Amino acid sequence: MVFGRSSRTGSPRPVEPVTLKILVAGGFGVGKTTLVGAVSEIRPLRTEETLSEAGRPVDDLDGVEAKSTTTVAMDFGRITLRDDLVLYLFGTPGQDRFWFLWDELAQGALGAVVLADTRRLEDSFAAVDYFERRGIPFTVGVNCFEGADRFAAETVRAALDLDPEVPLMMCDARDRESVKSVLVSVVEHALVRSTREREPATT
């Protein structure tokens, strides 16, 4: 952030950017940590731990057998979309036993990304339901893993039973520009919905 007064030479006063909080949610192994790391302009804060034998009975590795670590609290990153707009990204843990953290992370969030994997699409249902119930605007980003089956956006939308207004985009969680497009979609969707909710009801 930029702080301080303008100089006496008459140069314009620096603009303090607006900061917005965005959550990145989804099932176990869907790519949340990768997404935050791909786009963050600071070194991401990560709370990853190595998967252990004790967790095998509760951690479903079908489709993500190569995964060796898991987020146990959150991921944190930051990206400047414009000089006057900064996003703080909070990646949520994916496993059921860490969902109690979601309510804390969701406080003050403008919106969310629900990251989906077509190999384990059912893992996205809980995140979609969470944001729908709490009225938090979200965009679904379908992370296109190599070797995974590709489906049309409308097919994925129908499978997740999304409302027509919810944006859905294909993306690559490893690619900065792809992730930026998803984040822009979240901000735009949240602002449109906020404007609509402020409009007076017509009789």
Protein backbone atom coordinates (compact mmCIF):
# COMPACT_ATOMS: atom_id res chain seq x y z
CA MET A 1 0.00 0.00 0.00
CA VAL A 2 1.10 3.60 -0.60
CA PHE A 3 0.83 6.11 2.21
CA GLY A 4 1.95 9.70 2.79
CA ARG A 5 1.16 13.24 1.77
CA SER A 6 1.74 14.74 -1.64
CA SER A 7 4.79 16.95 -1.98
CA ARG A 8 4.63 20.74 -2.12
CA THR A 9 5.42 20.66 -5.84
CA GLY A 10 1.77 19.96 -6.55
CA SER A 11 2.18 16.31 -7.58
CA PRO A 12 -1.02 14.26 -7.15
CA ARG A 13 -1.59 12.57 -3.83
CA PRO A 14 -0.91 8.82 -4.00
CA VAL A 15 -4.07 6.76 -4.19
CA GLU A 16 -4.50 4.24 -1.40
CA PRO A 17 -5.76 1.06 -3.08
CA VAL A 18 -8.98 -0.65 -2.12
CA THR A 19 -8.27 -4.09 -0.66
CA LEU A 20 -10.70 -6.96 -1.15
CA LYS A 21 -10.75 -10.44 0.35
CA ILE A 22 -11.34 -13.45 -1.90
CA LEU A 23 -11.58 -17.06 -0.75
CA VAL A 24 -10.30 -19.98 -2.82
CA ALA A 25 -12.24 -23.12 -1.88
CA GLY A 26 -12.90 -26.60 -3.17
CA GLY A 27 -12.26 -30.24 -2.50
CA PHE A 28 -9.12 -32.00 -1.38
CA GLY A 29 -6.33 -31.90 -3.99
CA VAL A 30 -8.18 -29.66 -6.43
CA GLY A 31 -5.36 -27.13 -6.84
CA LYS A 32 -6.10 -24.33 -4.36
CA THR A 33 -2.53 -23.97 -3.13
CA THR A 34 -1.27 -24.04 -6.72
CA LEU A 35 -3.74 -21.31 -7.74
CA VAL A 36 -2.73 -18.96 -4.94
CA GLY A 37 0.96 -19.55 -5.63
CA ALA A 38 0.59 -18.99 -9.37
CA VAL A 39 -0.87 -15.52 -9.04
CA SER A 40 0.47 -14.10 -5.77
CA GLU A 41 2.95 -11.23 -6.11
CA ILE A 42 4.37 -12.02 -2.66
CA ARG A 43 5.72 -15.31 -1.45
CA PRO A 44 2.55 -17.16 -0.44
CA LEU A 45 2.01 -18.12 3.17
CA ARG A 46 1.31 -21.86 3.23
CA THR A 47 0.32 -24.20 6.04
CA GLU A 48 1.00 -27.53 4.35
CA GLU A 49 1.77 -30.72 6.19
CA THR A 50 2.88 -34.09 4.84
CA LEU A 51 0.12 -36.66 4.48
CA SER A 52 0.56 -39.38 7.07
CA GLU A 53 -0.51 -42.99 7.44
CA ALA A 54 -2.87 -41.87 10.22
CA GLY A 55 -4.79 -39.73 7.73
CA ARG A 56 -5.22 -42.39 5.06
CA PRO A 57 -8.58 -43.65 6.37
CA VAL A 58 -10.10 -40.14 6.01
CA ASP A 59 -8.14 -38.64 3.09
CA ASP A 60 -9.57 -39.90 -0.20
CA LEU A 61 -6.69 -39.98 -2.70
CA ASP A 62 -8.64 -41.44 -5.62
CA GLY A 63 -7.61 -39.41 -8.66
CA VAL A 64 -4.86 -37.56 -6.77
CA GLU A 65 -2.63 -40.46 -5.79
CA ALA A 66 0.56 -38.40 -6.28
CA LYS A 67 -0.46 -35.82 -3.67
CA SER A 68 1.89 -35.90 -0.65
CA THR A 69 0.95 -32.75 1.31
CA THR A 70 -2.24 -31.03 2.44
CA THR A 71 -3.26 -27.56 3.67
CA VAL A 72 -4.21 -27.67 7.35
CA ALA A 73 -5.13 -24.02 7.97
CA MET A 74 -4.97 -21.72 4.94
CA ASP A 75 -2.94 -20.38 2.05
CA PHE A 76 -2.47 -16.62 1.77
CA GLY A 77 -1.41 -14.50 -1.19
CA ARG A 78 -1.84 -11.03 -2.67
CA ILE A 79 -2.33 -9.71 -6.18
CA THR A 80 -2.67 -6.15 -7.48
CA LEU A 81 -5.25 -6.08 -10.26
CA ARG A 82 -4.98 -2.29 -10.74
CA ASP A 83 -3.12 0.53 -9.01
CA ASP A 84 -6.23 1.13 -6.94
CA LEU A 85 -7.35 -2.49 -6.40
CA VAL A 86 -5.58 -5.22 -4.42
CA LEU A 87 -6.93 -8.70 -3.72
CA TYR A 88 -6.02 -10.73 -0.66
CA LEU A 89 -6.43 -14.44 -1.39
CA PHE A 90 -7.23 -16.98 1.31
CA GLY A 91 -7.11 -20.65 0.30
CA THR A 92 -9.26 -22.88 2.49
CA PRO A 93 -8.36 -26.42 3.59
CA GLY A 94 -10.18 -29.06 1.57
CA GLN A 95 -10.71 -31.94 3.98
CA ASP A 96 -13.90 -32.30 5.99
CA ARG A 97 -12.13 -32.23 9.34
CA PHE A 98 -10.82 -28.70 8.70
CA TRP A 99 -14.12 -27.15 7.58
CA PHE A 100 -14.60 -25.47 10.96
CA LEU A 101 -12.00 -22.94 9.74
CA TRP A 102 -14.14 -21.82 6.82
CA ASP A 103 -16.45 -19.59 8.87
CA GLU A 104 -13.46 -17.70 10.25
CA LEU A 105 -11.87 -17.29 6.82
CA ALA A 106 -15.16 -16.23 5.21
CA GLN A 107 -15.65 -13.19 7.44
CA GLY A 108 -15.43 -10.03 5.36
CA ALA A 109 -14.97 -11.84 2.05
CA LEU A 110 -16.22 -10.09 -1.08
CA GLY A 111 -16.53 -13.39 -2.93
CA ALA A 112 -14.97 -16.76 -3.61
CA VAL A 113 -13.54 -19.09 -6.22
CA VAL A 114 -14.84 -22.65 -6.06
CA LEU A 115 -12.16 -24.69 -7.77
CA ALA A 116 -13.46 -27.90 -9.35
CA ASP A 117 -11.82 -31.04 -10.73
CA THR A 118 -13.87 -33.03 -13.24
CA ARG A 119 -12.26 -36.26 -11.95
CA ARG A 120 -13.80 -35.62 -8.52
CA LEU A 121 -16.62 -33.22 -9.27
CA GLU A 122 -18.68 -34.38 -6.28
CA ASP A 123 -16.01 -32.85 -4.01
CA SER A 124 -17.17 -29.40 -5.16
CA PHE A 125 -20.75 -29.79 -3.88
CA ALA A 126 -19.92 -28.83 -0.29
CA ALA A 127 -18.17 -25.60 -1.30
CA VAL A 128 -20.97 -24.60 -3.70
CA ASP A 129 -23.54 -25.27 -0.98
CA TYR A 130 -21.52 -23.34 1.61
CA PHE A 131 -21.39 -20.11 -0.41
CA GLU A 132 -24.97 -20.41 -1.65
CA ARG A 133 -26.29 -20.76 1.92
CA ARG A 134 -24.31 -17.75 3.13
CA GLY A 135 -25.08 -15.54 0.15
CA ILE A 136 -21.42 -15.09 -0.78
CA PRO A 137 -20.93 -14.51 -4.54
CA PHE A 138 -18.67 -17.06 -6.19
CA THR A 139 -17.26 -18.15 -9.52
CA VAL A 140 -16.61 -21.80 -10.34
CA GLY A 141 -13.20 -22.39 -11.90
CA VAL A 142 -12.84 -25.82 -13.53
CA ASN A 143 -9.16 -26.71 -13.16
CA CYS A 144 -8.24 -28.53 -16.38
CA PHE A 145 -5.80 -31.19 -15.20
CA GLU A 146 -3.71 -32.99 -17.80
CA GLY A 147 -5.27 -36.33 -18.67
CA ALA A 148 -8.63 -35.47 -17.13
CA ASP A 149 -11.79 -35.78 -19.22
CA ARG A 150 -12.92 -32.48 -20.73
CA PHE A 151 -16.58 -31.51 -20.60
CA ALA A 152 -18.51 -28.56 -21.97
CA ALA A 153 -19.11 -25.76 -19.48
CA GLU A 154 -22.87 -26.30 -19.59
CA THR A 155 -22.40 -29.98 -18.77
CA VAL A 156 -20.37 -29.11 -15.66
CA ARG A 157 -22.89 -26.39 -14.74
CA ALA A 158 -25.75 -28.88 -14.90
CA ALA A 159 -23.81 -31.47 -12.89
CA LEU A 160 -23.17 -28.90 -10.12
CA ASP A 161 -26.76 -27.60 -10.35
CA LEU A 162 -25.56 -23.98 -10.47
CA ASP A 163 -27.85 -20.99 -10.66
CA PRO A 164 -27.74 -19.34 -14.11
CA GLU A 165 -26.11 -16.19 -12.71
CA VAL A 166 -23.09 -18.05 -11.26
CA PRO A 167 -20.06 -17.65 -13.57
CA LEU A 168 -18.26 -20.85 -14.59
CA MET A 169 -14.88 -20.80 -16.34
CA MET A 170 -12.32 -23.32 -17.51
CA CYS A 171 -8.90 -22.50 -16.10
CA ASP A 172 -5.38 -23.69 -15.41
CA ALA A 173 -4.48 -23.13 -11.75
CA ARG A 174 -0.78 -23.07 -12.71
CA ASP A 175 -1.15 -20.18 -15.16
CA ARG A 176 -1.11 -16.61 -13.82
CA GLU A 177 -3.20 -15.06 -16.60
CA SER A 178 -5.78 -17.84 -16.41
CA VAL A 179 -6.12 -17.36 -12.65
CA LYS A 180 -6.36 -13.58 -13.02
CA SER A 181 -9.32 -14.02 -15.37
CA VAL A 182 -11.11 -16.12 -12.76
CA LEU A 183 -10.44 -13.54 -10.02
CA VAL A 184 -11.68 -10.69 -12.21
CA SER A 185 -14.85 -12.72 -12.78
CA VAL A 186 -15.39 -13.03 -9.01
CA VAL A 187 -15.00 -9.29 -8.46
CA GLU A 188 -17.29 -8.39 -11.35
CA HIS A 189 -19.94 -10.90 -10.26
CA ALA A 190 -19.85 -9.63 -6.67
CA LEU A 191 -20.14 -5.99 -7.74
CA VAL A 192 -23.03 -6.69 -10.11
CA ARG A 193 -24.89 -8.57 -7.40
CA SER A 194 -24.19 -5.84 -4.84
CA THR A 195 -25.55 -3.20 -7.22
CA ARG A 196 -28.65 -5.27 -7.90
CA GLU A 197 -29.32 -5.72 -4.19
CA ARG A 198 -29.09 -1.95 -3.58
CA GLU A 199 -31.57 -1.12 -6.31
CA PRO A 200 -35.05 -0.28 -5.00
CA ALA A 201 -37.62 -2.99 -5.58
CA THR A 202 -40.22 -2.20 -8.23
CA THR A 203 -43.85 -2.94 -7.60
